[in-house]
Amino acid sequence: RIANAVDFFDPMTYDFYVTADDMPADHQSRYHSNAQGGYSIEQLMQYYHSVGVPSNKISLGVPAYAISEFGVPANGKPGDPAFGHVKTTAEGMSGLGNGVFSYKCLLADQNAWPLVDGCSNLEAGLHSYLPASYHHAGDSDNAAILAPWFIATDGANRALFSFDDAQSVNLKMQQIQSLQDNYATKGGYIWELDMDVSPLDSAYYASHSLLEALYQSMKAKSLT
């Protein structure tokens, strides 16, 4: 009855796992239900559909930030059982605060971009921990996740960061539309916009903005 009375649903397809959950996993909307923990876009769509919510009333949430999990081993990937249990505080890694960092600041810091719109350098501590590159959504061993991630380290302690980028947004929108015809979603939304690459930074907006990637994916599927 609720589905008949509203125009659309905005499920929170991010923060599936956060720093305090003691689970070394990517926090944002994974695609496949076989990813460890069972939380995924696929699972969400199937549940909504099973209780009578039309898929074309569902918008998928895309986070414009990374969340870290502290205390992970040097090798592995999100959801890997070998990670075991993790710490819930940034013990030994100063400058990480609550472990949440905006997407645009991570990109700006890693690529030395002089962003115009509200992004100074990351905390000095995190900058020194960042790896030279990260694992991309399209990597062959990332099929169950469809999201980028990296492990930051000070040599003794490590933190797993997962997030979405333009490539992962495009891949997820493509995959979810291909699940079944009746799973064609309403579209998507960003939380929150001030953490995304701004149109004011025109040199990077078209190729790196999450909002632009979401729009282009929806446009390609004639959802706009």
N, C-alpha and C. Protein backbone atom coordinates (compact mmCIF):
# COMPACT_ATOMS: atom_id res chain seq x y z
N ARG A 1 0.81 -1.21 0.00
CA ARG A 1 0.00 0.00 0.00
C ARG A 1 0.85 1.26 0.00
N ILE A 2 1.98 1.20 0.71
CA ILE A 2 2.87 2.37 0.72
C ILE A 2 3.39 2.64 -0.68
N ALA A 3 3.76 1.58 -1.39
CA ALA A 3 4.31 1.74 -2.75
C ALA A 3 3.32 2.44 -3.66
N ASN A 4 2.03 2.21 -3.46
CA ASN A 4 1.01 2.86 -4.29
C ASN A 4 0.84 4.34 -3.96
N ALA A 5 1.29 4.74 -2.77
CA ALA A 5 1.05 6.10 -2.30
C ALA A 5 2.23 7.04 -2.50
N VAL A 6 3.41 6.50 -2.85
CA VAL A 6 4.60 7.34 -3.00
C VAL A 6 5.13 7.26 -4.43
N ASP A 7 5.93 8.26 -4.77
CA ASP A 7 6.49 8.32 -6.12
C ASP A 7 7.76 7.49 -6.26
N PHE A 8 8.58 7.47 -5.20
CA PHE A 8 9.83 6.70 -5.29
C PHE A 8 10.37 6.42 -3.89
N PHE A 9 11.28 5.44 -3.81
CA PHE A 9 11.98 5.06 -2.58
C PHE A 9 13.46 5.38 -2.76
N ASP A 10 14.10 5.86 -1.69
CA ASP A 10 15.54 6.12 -1.69
C ASP A 10 16.23 5.23 -0.66
N PRO A 11 16.40 3.95 -0.92
CA PRO A 11 17.08 3.09 0.06
C PRO A 11 18.53 3.51 0.23
N MET A 12 19.01 3.39 1.44
CA MET A 12 20.37 3.81 1.79
C MET A 12 21.34 2.70 1.43
N THR A 13 21.72 2.64 0.17
CA THR A 13 22.60 1.57 -0.31
C THR A 13 24.07 1.94 -0.12
N TYR A 14 24.37 2.35 1.07
CA TYR A 14 25.74 2.63 1.50
C TYR A 14 25.74 2.54 3.02
N ASP A 15 26.94 2.65 3.64
CA ASP A 15 27.09 2.42 5.08
C ASP A 15 26.59 1.02 5.47
N PHE A 16 26.70 0.05 4.55
CA PHE A 16 26.37 -1.32 4.89
C PHE A 16 27.26 -1.79 6.05
N TYR A 17 28.51 -1.39 5.99
CA TYR A 17 29.45 -1.62 7.08
C TYR A 17 30.14 -0.29 7.38
N VAL A 18 30.30 -0.01 8.66
CA VAL A 18 31.00 1.21 9.07
C VAL A 18 32.09 0.83 10.05
N THR A 19 32.86 1.82 10.47
CA THR A 19 34.06 1.56 11.26
C THR A 19 33.78 0.73 12.51
N ALA A 20 32.64 0.92 13.15
CA ALA A 20 32.36 0.24 14.41
C ALA A 20 31.82 -1.18 14.26
N ASP A 21 31.67 -1.67 13.03
CA ASP A 21 31.02 -2.95 12.81
C ASP A 21 31.94 -4.16 12.94
N ASP A 22 33.24 -3.93 13.09
CA ASP A 22 34.17 -5.04 13.26
C ASP A 22 34.12 -5.99 12.07
N MET A 23 33.90 -5.44 10.90
CA MET A 23 33.83 -6.25 9.67
C MET A 23 34.62 -5.54 8.58
N PRO A 24 35.72 -6.14 8.10
CA PRO A 24 36.52 -5.50 7.06
C PRO A 24 35.88 -5.65 5.69
N ALA A 25 34.92 -4.79 5.40
CA ALA A 25 34.19 -4.88 4.14
C ALA A 25 33.99 -3.50 3.55
N ASP A 26 33.75 -3.45 2.26
CA ASP A 26 33.41 -2.19 1.63
C ASP A 26 32.05 -1.73 2.16
N HIS A 27 31.91 -0.44 2.39
CA HIS A 27 30.70 0.04 3.04
C HIS A 27 29.57 0.31 2.07
N GLN A 28 29.89 0.53 0.80
CA GLN A 28 28.87 1.04 -0.11
C GLN A 28 28.21 -0.07 -0.91
N SER A 29 27.30 0.30 -1.75
CA SER A 29 26.40 -0.64 -2.41
C SER A 29 27.12 -1.61 -3.33
N ARG A 30 27.33 -2.81 -2.84
CA ARG A 30 27.90 -3.86 -3.67
C ARG A 30 26.81 -4.45 -4.54
N TYR A 31 27.22 -5.05 -5.63
CA TYR A 31 26.23 -5.57 -6.57
C TYR A 31 25.77 -6.99 -6.21
N HIS A 32 26.70 -7.92 -6.07
CA HIS A 32 26.33 -9.33 -5.96
C HIS A 32 25.98 -9.74 -4.53
N SER A 33 24.99 -10.61 -4.40
CA SER A 33 24.58 -11.08 -3.08
C SER A 33 25.55 -12.08 -2.49
N ASN A 34 26.50 -12.59 -3.29
CA ASN A 34 27.45 -13.55 -2.74
C ASN A 34 28.64 -12.87 -2.09
N ALA A 35 28.66 -11.54 -2.07
CA ALA A 35 29.70 -10.84 -1.33
C ALA A 35 29.49 -11.11 0.16
N GLN A 36 30.58 -11.21 0.91
CA GLN A 36 30.47 -11.62 2.31
C GLN A 36 29.51 -10.71 3.08
N GLY A 37 28.65 -11.31 3.88
CA GLY A 37 27.70 -10.53 4.66
C GLY A 37 26.33 -10.49 4.02
N GLY A 38 26.26 -10.70 2.68
CA GLY A 38 24.98 -10.79 2.01
C GLY A 38 24.35 -9.48 1.63
N TYR A 39 24.88 -8.36 2.09
CA TYR A 39 24.28 -7.07 1.75
C TYR A 39 24.72 -6.65 0.36
N SER A 40 23.77 -6.31 -0.49
CA SER A 40 24.12 -5.94 -1.86
C SER A 40 22.93 -5.26 -2.53
N ILE A 41 23.21 -4.60 -3.65
CA ILE A 41 22.15 -4.02 -4.47
C ILE A 41 21.21 -5.12 -4.97
N GLU A 42 21.80 -6.22 -5.42
CA GLU A 42 21.01 -7.32 -5.95
C GLU A 42 20.01 -7.81 -4.90
N GLN A 43 20.48 -8.02 -3.68
CA GLN A 43 19.62 -8.49 -2.61
C GLN A 43 18.51 -7.49 -2.31
N LEU A 44 18.87 -6.21 -2.27
CA LEU A 44 17.87 -5.17 -1.99
C LEU A 44 16.79 -5.15 -3.05
N MET A 45 17.17 -5.19 -4.32
CA MET A 45 16.19 -5.15 -5.40
C MET A 45 15.26 -6.35 -5.34
N GLN A 46 15.81 -7.52 -5.05
CA GLN A 46 15.00 -8.72 -4.98
C GLN A 46 14.00 -8.63 -3.83
N TYR A 47 14.44 -8.08 -2.69
CA TYR A 47 13.53 -7.96 -1.55
C TYR A 47 12.40 -6.98 -1.84
N TYR A 48 12.74 -5.80 -2.32
CA TYR A 48 11.70 -4.81 -2.63
C TYR A 48 10.70 -5.37 -3.64
N HIS A 49 11.22 -6.08 -4.62
CA HIS A 49 10.35 -6.65 -5.63
C HIS A 49 9.43 -7.71 -5.03
N SER A 50 9.95 -8.48 -4.08
CA SER A 50 9.17 -9.57 -3.47
C SER A 50 8.02 -9.07 -2.62
N VAL A 51 8.14 -7.85 -2.09
CA VAL A 51 7.07 -7.30 -1.26
C VAL A 51 6.18 -6.34 -2.03
N GLY A 52 6.34 -6.32 -3.35
CA GLY A 52 5.42 -5.58 -4.19
C GLY A 52 5.80 -4.17 -4.54
N VAL A 53 7.04 -3.78 -4.31
CA VAL A 53 7.48 -2.44 -4.69
C VAL A 53 8.00 -2.48 -6.12
N PRO A 54 7.43 -1.71 -7.03
CA PRO A 54 7.93 -1.69 -8.41
C PRO A 54 9.36 -1.18 -8.46
N SER A 55 10.20 -1.86 -9.20
CA SER A 55 11.60 -1.46 -9.28
C SER A 55 11.79 -0.07 -9.87
N ASN A 56 10.84 0.35 -10.69
CA ASN A 56 10.97 1.69 -11.28
C ASN A 56 10.58 2.81 -10.32
N LYS A 57 10.37 2.43 -9.04
CA LYS A 57 10.19 3.45 -8.00
C LYS A 57 11.37 3.49 -7.03
N ILE A 58 12.43 2.75 -7.35
CA ILE A 58 13.58 2.65 -6.45
C ILE A 58 14.77 3.43 -7.01
N SER A 59 15.34 4.33 -6.20
CA SER A 59 16.56 5.04 -6.55
C SER A 59 17.70 4.49 -5.71
N LEU A 60 18.83 4.24 -6.34
CA LEU A 60 19.98 3.69 -5.63
C LEU A 60 20.85 4.81 -5.07
N GLY A 61 21.30 4.64 -3.82
CA GLY A 61 22.14 5.65 -3.19
C GLY A 61 23.62 5.45 -3.48
N VAL A 62 24.32 6.53 -3.79
CA VAL A 62 25.76 6.50 -4.05
C VAL A 62 26.45 7.43 -3.05
N PRO A 63 27.36 6.92 -2.22
CA PRO A 63 28.06 7.77 -1.26
C PRO A 63 29.21 8.52 -1.91
N ALA A 64 29.37 9.77 -1.54
CA ALA A 64 30.49 10.56 -2.06
C ALA A 64 31.60 10.65 -1.03
N TYR A 65 31.87 9.54 -0.36
CA TYR A 65 32.90 9.53 0.67
C TYR A 65 33.43 8.11 0.84
N ALA A 66 34.59 8.01 1.45
CA ALA A 66 35.19 6.73 1.79
C ALA A 66 35.10 6.52 3.29
N ILE A 67 34.89 5.28 3.69
CA ILE A 67 34.92 4.90 5.11
C ILE A 67 36.04 3.89 5.30
N SER A 68 36.75 4.01 6.41
CA SER A 68 37.88 3.11 6.66
C SER A 68 37.56 2.10 7.73
N GLU A 69 38.22 0.95 7.64
CA GLU A 69 38.21 -0.08 8.67
C GLU A 69 39.67 -0.28 9.09
N PHE A 70 39.94 -0.17 10.37
CA PHE A 70 41.31 -0.19 10.85
C PHE A 70 41.74 -1.59 11.29
N GLY A 71 43.06 -1.83 11.21
CA GLY A 71 43.62 -3.06 11.73
C GLY A 71 43.60 -4.22 10.76
N VAL A 72 43.49 -3.97 9.45
CA VAL A 72 43.46 -5.06 8.48
C VAL A 72 44.86 -5.54 8.16
N PRO A 73 45.01 -6.80 7.70
CA PRO A 73 46.33 -7.30 7.32
C PRO A 73 46.79 -6.70 6.00
N ALA A 74 48.02 -6.96 5.65
CA ALA A 74 48.62 -6.33 4.47
C ALA A 74 47.99 -6.83 3.18
N ASN A 75 47.57 -8.07 3.14
CA ASN A 75 47.02 -8.65 1.91
C ASN A 75 45.54 -8.97 2.09
N GLY A 76 44.83 -9.10 0.99
CA GLY A 76 43.41 -9.41 1.03
C GLY A 76 42.61 -8.32 0.34
N LYS A 77 41.29 -8.42 0.48
CA LYS A 77 40.39 -7.44 -0.12
C LYS A 77 39.10 -7.39 0.68
N PRO A 78 38.24 -6.44 0.43
CA PRO A 78 37.01 -6.32 1.21
C PRO A 78 36.21 -7.61 1.24
N GLY A 79 35.76 -7.99 2.43
CA GLY A 79 34.96 -9.19 2.57
C GLY A 79 35.75 -10.47 2.65
N ASP A 80 37.08 -10.40 2.54
CA ASP A 80 37.93 -11.58 2.60
C ASP A 80 37.94 -12.14 4.03
N PRO A 81 37.51 -13.40 4.24
CA PRO A 81 37.51 -13.96 5.59
C PRO A 81 38.87 -13.94 6.25
N ALA A 82 39.93 -13.89 5.45
CA ALA A 82 41.28 -13.88 6.01
C ALA A 82 41.56 -12.59 6.78
N PHE A 83 40.72 -11.57 6.55
CA PHE A 83 40.92 -10.32 7.28
C PHE A 83 40.66 -10.50 8.77
N GLY A 84 39.81 -11.44 9.13
CA GLY A 84 39.48 -11.63 10.54
C GLY A 84 38.78 -10.41 11.12
N HIS A 85 38.97 -10.17 12.42
CA HIS A 85 38.35 -9.03 13.07
C HIS A 85 39.25 -7.81 12.98
N VAL A 86 38.64 -6.64 13.00
CA VAL A 86 39.40 -5.41 12.84
C VAL A 86 39.18 -4.51 14.04
N LYS A 87 40.07 -3.56 14.21
CA LYS A 87 39.92 -2.56 15.26
C LYS A 87 38.86 -1.55 14.85
N THR A 88 38.26 -0.92 15.83
CA THR A 88 37.25 0.08 15.53
C THR A 88 37.75 1.49 15.76
N THR A 89 39.01 1.64 16.08
CA THR A 89 39.62 2.97 16.22
C THR A 89 40.93 2.99 15.45
N ALA A 90 41.37 4.18 15.14
CA ALA A 90 42.59 4.34 14.34
C ALA A 90 43.82 4.27 15.23
N GLU A 91 43.99 3.16 15.91
CA GLU A 91 45.10 3.02 16.83
C GLU A 91 46.42 3.09 16.06
N GLY A 92 47.27 4.00 16.48
CA GLY A 92 48.59 4.11 15.88
C GLY A 92 48.64 4.88 14.58
N MET A 93 47.48 5.30 14.05
CA MET A 93 47.45 6.03 12.78
C MET A 93 46.85 7.41 13.02
N SER A 94 47.68 8.35 13.36
CA SER A 94 47.20 9.70 13.67
C SER A 94 46.72 10.40 12.41
N GLY A 95 45.76 11.31 12.57
CA GLY A 95 45.28 12.10 11.45
C GLY A 95 44.10 11.51 10.71
N LEU A 96 43.63 10.31 11.13
CA LEU A 96 42.52 9.69 10.42
C LEU A 96 41.17 10.04 11.03
N GLY A 97 41.16 10.61 12.22
CA GLY A 97 39.90 11.06 12.81
C GLY A 97 38.89 9.94 12.89
N ASN A 98 37.68 10.19 12.37
CA ASN A 98 36.63 9.16 12.41
C ASN A 98 36.68 8.23 11.21
N GLY A 99 37.68 8.39 10.36
CA GLY A 99 37.87 7.46 9.25
C GLY A 99 36.96 7.69 8.06
N VAL A 100 36.34 8.87 7.97
CA VAL A 100 35.47 9.21 6.84
C VAL A 100 36.09 10.37 6.07
N PHE A 101 36.27 10.20 4.75
CA PHE A 101 36.91 11.23 3.93
C PHE A 101 36.14 11.42 2.64
N SER A 102 36.02 12.65 2.21
CA SER A 102 35.25 12.94 1.02
C SER A 102 35.94 12.39 -0.23
N TYR A 103 35.12 11.97 -1.16
CA TYR A 103 35.61 11.42 -2.42
C TYR A 103 36.50 12.41 -3.16
N LYS A 104 36.06 13.67 -3.27
CA LYS A 104 36.84 14.63 -4.05
C LYS A 104 38.19 14.92 -3.39
N CYS A 105 38.24 14.88 -2.05
CA CYS A 105 39.51 15.15 -1.38
C CYS A 105 40.49 14.00 -1.56
N LEU A 106 39.97 12.76 -1.54
CA LEU A 106 40.84 11.62 -1.79
C LEU A 106 41.46 11.70 -3.19
N LEU A 107 40.62 12.03 -4.19
CA LEU A 107 41.13 12.14 -5.56
C LEU A 107 42.10 13.30 -5.69
N ALA A 108 41.75 14.42 -5.09
CA ALA A 108 42.61 15.60 -5.19
C ALA A 108 43.97 15.35 -4.56
N ASP A 109 43.97 14.68 -3.43
CA ASP A 109 45.23 14.42 -2.74
C ASP A 109 46.08 13.42 -3.49
N GLN A 110 45.45 12.36 -4.01
CA GLN A 110 46.20 11.32 -4.69
C GLN A 110 46.75 11.80 -6.03
N ASN A 111 45.99 12.67 -6.70
CA ASN A 111 46.38 13.12 -8.04
C ASN A 111 46.96 14.53 -8.07
N ALA A 112 47.12 15.15 -6.89
CA ALA A 112 47.66 16.52 -6.79
C ALA A 112 46.85 17.51 -7.61
N TRP A 113 45.51 17.40 -7.49
CA TRP A 113 44.63 18.32 -8.19
C TRP A 113 44.42 19.59 -7.36
N PRO A 114 44.55 20.76 -7.97
CA PRO A 114 44.27 22.01 -7.26
C PRO A 114 42.79 22.36 -7.34
N LEU A 115 41.96 21.62 -6.59
CA LEU A 115 40.52 21.84 -6.67
C LEU A 115 40.13 23.23 -6.19
N VAL A 116 39.17 23.82 -6.88
CA VAL A 116 38.69 25.16 -6.55
C VAL A 116 37.64 25.10 -5.44
N ASP A 117 36.79 24.10 -5.49
CA ASP A 117 35.60 24.10 -4.65
C ASP A 117 35.79 23.36 -3.33
N GLY A 118 36.30 24.05 -2.35
CA GLY A 118 36.26 23.60 -0.97
C GLY A 118 37.01 22.36 -0.60
N CYS A 119 38.17 22.13 -1.17
CA CYS A 119 38.93 20.95 -0.77
C CYS A 119 40.40 21.33 -0.58
N SER A 120 40.80 21.42 0.67
CA SER A 120 42.21 21.57 0.96
C SER A 120 42.83 20.18 1.03
N ASN A 121 44.12 20.09 1.31
CA ASN A 121 44.74 18.77 1.42
C ASN A 121 44.12 17.98 2.56
N LEU A 122 44.17 16.68 2.44
CA LEU A 122 43.71 15.83 3.52
C LEU A 122 44.60 16.02 4.74
N GLU A 123 44.13 15.53 5.88
CA GLU A 123 44.96 15.58 7.07
C GLU A 123 46.34 15.03 6.75
N ALA A 124 47.35 15.67 7.30
CA ALA A 124 48.72 15.31 6.98
C ALA A 124 48.98 13.83 7.22
N GLY A 125 48.36 13.26 8.26
CA GLY A 125 48.58 11.85 8.57
C GLY A 125 48.14 10.95 7.44
N LEU A 126 46.92 11.15 6.91
CA LEU A 126 46.42 10.28 5.86
C LEU A 126 47.25 10.40 4.59
N HIS A 127 47.64 11.61 4.24
CA HIS A 127 48.43 11.80 3.02
C HIS A 127 49.66 10.92 3.02
N SER A 128 50.32 10.80 4.15
CA SER A 128 51.54 10.00 4.21
C SER A 128 51.26 8.50 4.18
N TYR A 129 50.00 8.10 4.41
CA TYR A 129 49.65 6.68 4.43
C TYR A 129 49.14 6.16 3.09
N LEU A 130 48.78 7.06 2.18
CA LEU A 130 48.11 6.65 0.95
C LEU A 130 49.03 5.83 0.04
N PRO A 131 48.50 4.78 -0.60
CA PRO A 131 49.28 4.02 -1.57
C PRO A 131 49.37 4.79 -2.89
N ALA A 132 50.21 4.30 -3.78
CA ALA A 132 50.39 4.99 -5.06
C ALA A 132 49.15 4.88 -5.94
N SER A 133 48.37 3.82 -5.78
CA SER A 133 47.17 3.63 -6.58
C SER A 133 46.18 2.78 -5.79
N TYR A 134 44.98 2.60 -6.33
CA TYR A 134 43.99 1.78 -5.64
C TYR A 134 43.43 0.72 -6.58
N HIS A 135 42.72 -0.23 -6.02
CA HIS A 135 42.07 -1.28 -6.80
C HIS A 135 40.80 -0.71 -7.43
N HIS A 136 40.63 -0.94 -8.71
CA HIS A 136 39.53 -0.32 -9.45
C HIS A 136 38.31 -1.23 -9.52
N ALA A 137 37.16 -0.61 -9.73
CA ALA A 137 35.90 -1.35 -9.77
C ALA A 137 35.88 -2.39 -10.88
N GLY A 138 36.54 -2.11 -11.99
CA GLY A 138 36.53 -3.02 -13.13
C GLY A 138 37.59 -4.10 -13.10
N ASP A 139 38.39 -4.18 -12.03
CA ASP A 139 39.41 -5.21 -11.95
C ASP A 139 38.78 -6.60 -11.93
N SER A 140 39.46 -7.56 -12.52
CA SER A 140 38.87 -8.90 -12.66
C SER A 140 38.57 -9.55 -11.32
N ASP A 141 39.32 -9.21 -10.27
CA ASP A 141 39.07 -9.83 -8.96
C ASP A 141 38.12 -9.01 -8.11
N ASN A 142 37.46 -8.02 -8.71
CA ASN A 142 36.55 -7.15 -7.98
C ASN A 142 35.10 -7.33 -8.41
N ALA A 143 34.79 -8.43 -9.10
CA ALA A 143 33.49 -8.60 -9.73
C ALA A 143 32.33 -8.62 -8.72
N ALA A 144 32.58 -9.14 -7.51
CA ALA A 144 31.50 -9.22 -6.53
C ALA A 144 31.25 -7.89 -5.83
N ILE A 145 32.14 -6.96 -6.03
CA ILE A 145 32.06 -5.70 -5.28
C ILE A 145 31.73 -4.52 -6.19
N LEU A 146 32.39 -4.47 -7.34
CA LEU A 146 32.21 -3.36 -8.28
C LEU A 146 32.45 -2.02 -7.59
N ALA A 147 33.52 -1.93 -6.83
CA ALA A 147 33.85 -0.69 -6.13
C ALA A 147 35.35 -0.60 -5.93
N PRO A 148 35.90 0.60 -5.95
CA PRO A 148 37.33 0.76 -5.70
C PRO A 148 37.66 0.73 -4.21
N TRP A 149 38.89 0.36 -3.89
CA TRP A 149 39.33 0.33 -2.50
C TRP A 149 40.85 0.35 -2.46
N PHE A 150 41.40 0.68 -1.30
CA PHE A 150 42.84 0.62 -1.10
C PHE A 150 43.13 0.43 0.38
N ILE A 151 44.35 0.02 0.69
CA ILE A 151 44.79 -0.12 2.06
C ILE A 151 45.86 0.93 2.34
N ALA A 152 45.59 1.80 3.31
CA ALA A 152 46.55 2.81 3.74
C ALA A 152 47.35 2.24 4.92
N THR A 153 48.62 2.59 5.00
CA THR A 153 49.44 2.04 6.07
C THR A 153 50.53 3.02 6.51
N ASP A 154 50.88 2.95 7.79
CA ASP A 154 52.03 3.71 8.30
C ASP A 154 53.22 2.78 8.51
N GLY A 155 53.12 1.56 7.99
CA GLY A 155 54.18 0.58 8.13
C GLY A 155 53.87 -0.47 9.19
N ALA A 156 53.18 -0.05 10.24
CA ALA A 156 52.85 -0.97 11.32
C ALA A 156 51.35 -1.23 11.41
N ASN A 157 50.55 -0.22 11.07
CA ASN A 157 49.09 -0.32 11.14
C ASN A 157 48.50 -0.09 9.76
N ARG A 158 47.32 -0.68 9.52
CA ARG A 158 46.70 -0.56 8.21
C ARG A 158 45.22 -0.25 8.33
N ALA A 159 44.70 0.46 7.33
CA ALA A 159 43.27 0.78 7.28
C ALA A 159 42.77 0.55 5.86
N LEU A 160 41.66 -0.14 5.76
CA LEU A 160 41.00 -0.39 4.47
C LEU A 160 40.03 0.74 4.17
N PHE A 161 40.15 1.36 3.01
CA PHE A 161 39.22 2.40 2.56
C PHE A 161 38.46 1.89 1.34
N SER A 162 37.15 2.03 1.35
CA SER A 162 36.35 1.70 0.18
C SER A 162 35.44 2.87 -0.15
N PHE A 163 35.11 3.01 -1.44
CA PHE A 163 34.32 4.16 -1.88
C PHE A 163 33.78 3.88 -3.27
N ASP A 164 33.08 4.83 -3.83
CA ASP A 164 32.64 4.75 -5.23
C ASP A 164 33.35 5.81 -6.04
N ASP A 165 33.57 5.53 -7.32
CA ASP A 165 34.08 6.53 -8.24
C ASP A 165 33.23 6.48 -9.51
N ALA A 166 33.58 7.28 -10.50
CA ALA A 166 32.77 7.38 -11.71
C ALA A 166 32.63 6.03 -12.41
N GLN A 167 33.71 5.25 -12.43
CA GLN A 167 33.66 3.94 -13.09
C GLN A 167 32.73 2.98 -12.34
N SER A 168 32.80 2.95 -11.02
CA SER A 168 31.97 2.02 -10.27
C SER A 168 30.49 2.39 -10.36
N VAL A 169 30.18 3.69 -10.38
CA VAL A 169 28.80 4.12 -10.54
C VAL A 169 28.25 3.63 -11.87
N ASN A 170 29.02 3.80 -12.93
CA ASN A 170 28.59 3.38 -14.26
C ASN A 170 28.41 1.86 -14.32
N LEU A 171 29.34 1.11 -13.76
CA LEU A 171 29.25 -0.35 -13.78
C LEU A 171 28.05 -0.85 -13.00
N LYS A 172 27.81 -0.28 -11.84
CA LYS A 172 26.68 -0.73 -11.02
C LYS A 172 25.35 -0.43 -11.68
N MET A 173 25.23 0.75 -12.28
CA MET A 173 23.98 1.09 -12.96
C MET A 173 23.75 0.17 -14.15
N GLN A 174 24.83 -0.17 -14.88
CA GLN A 174 24.70 -1.10 -16.00
C GLN A 174 24.26 -2.47 -15.52
N GLN A 175 24.89 -2.95 -14.45
CA GLN A 175 24.61 -4.29 -13.97
C GLN A 175 23.20 -4.41 -13.40
N ILE A 176 22.77 -3.42 -12.64
CA ILE A 176 21.46 -3.53 -12.02
C ILE A 176 20.35 -3.47 -13.07
N GLN A 177 20.57 -2.71 -14.13
CA GLN A 177 19.56 -2.66 -15.20
C GLN A 177 19.48 -3.97 -15.95
N SER A 178 20.56 -4.76 -15.90
CA SER A 178 20.57 -6.01 -16.64
C SER A 178 20.11 -7.21 -15.82
N LEU A 179 19.82 -7.00 -14.53
CA LEU A 179 19.36 -8.13 -13.71
C LEU A 179 18.13 -8.79 -14.32
N GLN A 180 17.08 -7.98 -14.49
CA GLN A 180 15.88 -8.40 -15.18
C GLN A 180 15.19 -7.13 -15.66
N ASP A 181 14.36 -7.24 -16.66
CA ASP A 181 13.66 -6.05 -17.17
C ASP A 181 12.86 -5.37 -16.07
N ASN A 182 12.25 -6.16 -15.18
CA ASN A 182 11.42 -5.55 -14.15
C ASN A 182 12.23 -5.01 -12.98
N TYR A 183 13.58 -5.06 -13.09
CA TYR A 183 14.42 -4.45 -12.07
C TYR A 183 14.98 -3.11 -12.53
N ALA A 184 14.45 -2.56 -13.61
CA ALA A 184 14.91 -1.25 -14.09
C ALA A 184 14.60 -0.20 -13.04
N THR A 185 15.61 0.40 -12.44
CA THR A 185 15.41 1.31 -11.32
C THR A 185 14.94 2.68 -11.77
N LYS A 186 14.45 3.42 -10.78
CA LYS A 186 14.06 4.81 -11.02
C LYS A 186 15.27 5.65 -11.37
N GLY A 187 16.40 5.35 -10.76
CA GLY A 187 17.61 6.12 -10.98
C GLY A 187 18.51 6.03 -9.77
N GLY A 188 19.06 7.17 -9.33
CA GLY A 188 19.96 7.16 -8.19
C GLY A 188 20.08 8.54 -7.58
N TYR A 189 20.76 8.58 -6.44
CA TYR A 189 21.00 9.84 -5.77
C TYR A 189 22.37 9.81 -5.10
N ILE A 190 22.90 10.99 -4.77
CA ILE A 190 24.23 11.12 -4.16
C ILE A 190 24.09 11.61 -2.73
N TRP A 191 24.88 11.04 -1.82
CA TRP A 191 24.98 11.58 -0.46
C TRP A 191 26.45 11.73 -0.13
N GLU A 192 26.97 12.89 0.10
CA GLU A 192 26.24 14.12 -0.14
C GLU A 192 27.01 14.93 -1.15
N LEU A 193 26.35 15.87 -1.79
CA LEU A 193 26.89 16.51 -2.99
C LEU A 193 28.16 17.32 -2.74
N ASP A 194 28.29 17.91 -1.56
CA ASP A 194 29.48 18.75 -1.34
C ASP A 194 30.75 17.92 -1.21
N MET A 195 30.63 16.59 -1.18
CA MET A 195 31.81 15.73 -1.17
C MET A 195 32.18 15.24 -2.56
N ASP A 196 31.36 15.55 -3.55
CA ASP A 196 31.61 15.15 -4.93
C ASP A 196 32.42 16.23 -5.64
N VAL A 197 33.04 15.86 -6.76
CA VAL A 197 33.75 16.83 -7.59
C VAL A 197 32.73 17.83 -8.14
N SER A 198 33.01 19.11 -7.98
CA SER A 198 32.06 20.17 -8.32
C SER A 198 32.18 20.59 -9.79
N PRO A 199 31.08 21.08 -10.39
CA PRO A 199 31.16 21.66 -11.74
C PRO A 199 32.12 22.84 -11.82
N LEU A 200 32.40 23.48 -10.67
CA LEU A 200 33.36 24.58 -10.66
C LEU A 200 34.76 24.10 -11.03
N ASP A 201 35.03 22.84 -10.78
CA ASP A 201 36.31 22.25 -11.18
C ASP A 201 36.12 21.54 -12.52
N SER A 202 35.94 22.34 -13.54
CA SER A 202 35.55 21.84 -14.86
C SER A 202 36.58 20.90 -15.48
N ALA A 203 37.84 21.01 -15.09
CA ALA A 203 38.86 20.15 -15.67
C ALA A 203 38.68 18.68 -15.27
N TYR A 204 37.99 18.46 -14.15
CA TYR A 204 37.85 17.10 -13.63
C TYR A 204 36.40 16.62 -13.55
N TYR A 205 35.47 17.55 -13.71
CA TYR A 205 34.06 17.21 -13.44
C TYR A 205 33.52 16.13 -14.37
N ALA A 206 33.69 16.29 -15.67
CA ALA A 206 33.07 15.38 -16.63
C ALA A 206 33.54 13.94 -16.46
N SER A 207 34.80 13.75 -16.13
CA SER A 207 35.36 12.40 -16.07
C SER A 207 35.37 11.80 -14.67
N HIS A 208 35.15 12.63 -13.62
CA HIS A 208 35.29 12.11 -12.26
C HIS A 208 34.11 12.37 -11.34
N SER A 209 33.19 13.24 -11.71
CA SER A 209 32.06 13.52 -10.83
C SER A 209 31.12 12.31 -10.73
N LEU A 210 30.73 11.96 -9.51
CA LEU A 210 29.79 10.87 -9.30
C LEU A 210 28.41 11.24 -9.84
N LEU A 211 28.02 12.49 -9.62
CA LEU A 211 26.72 12.94 -10.10
C LEU A 211 26.65 12.88 -11.62
N GLU A 212 27.70 13.32 -12.28
CA GLU A 212 27.74 13.28 -13.74
C GLU A 212 27.73 11.84 -14.25
N ALA A 213 28.47 10.95 -13.57
CA ALA A 213 28.48 9.54 -13.96
C ALA A 213 27.10 8.92 -13.80
N LEU A 214 26.41 9.27 -12.72
CA LEU A 214 25.07 8.77 -12.49
C LEU A 214 24.11 9.27 -13.56
N TYR A 215 24.22 10.54 -13.88
CA TYR A 215 23.36 11.13 -14.91
C TYR A 215 23.59 10.48 -16.27
N GLN A 216 24.84 10.31 -16.65
CA GLN A 216 25.16 9.73 -17.95
C GLN A 216 24.69 8.28 -18.03
N SER A 217 24.79 7.53 -16.92
CA SER A 217 24.32 6.15 -16.91
C SER A 217 22.81 6.08 -17.06
N MET A 218 22.11 6.97 -16.37
CA MET A 218 20.66 7.02 -16.47
C MET A 218 20.23 7.47 -17.86
N LYS A 219 20.94 8.42 -18.41
CA LYS A 219 20.62 8.92 -19.75
C LYS A 219 20.78 7.82 -20.79
N ALA A 220 21.84 7.01 -20.63
CA ALA A 220 22.07 5.92 -21.58
C ALA A 220 20.96 4.89 -21.55
N LYS A 221 20.32 4.77 -20.38
CA LYS A 221 19.21 3.83 -20.23
C LYS A 221 17.85 4.51 -20.38
N SER A 222 17.88 5.77 -20.82
CA SER A 222 16.66 6.55 -21.03
C SER A 222 15.82 6.67 -19.76
N LEU A 223 16.52 6.86 -18.60
CA LEU A 223 15.84 7.01 -17.33
C LEU A 223 15.66 8.46 -16.93
N THR A 224 16.25 9.40 -17.69
CA THR A 224 16.17 10.80 -17.31
C THR A 224 14.91 11.41 -17.87
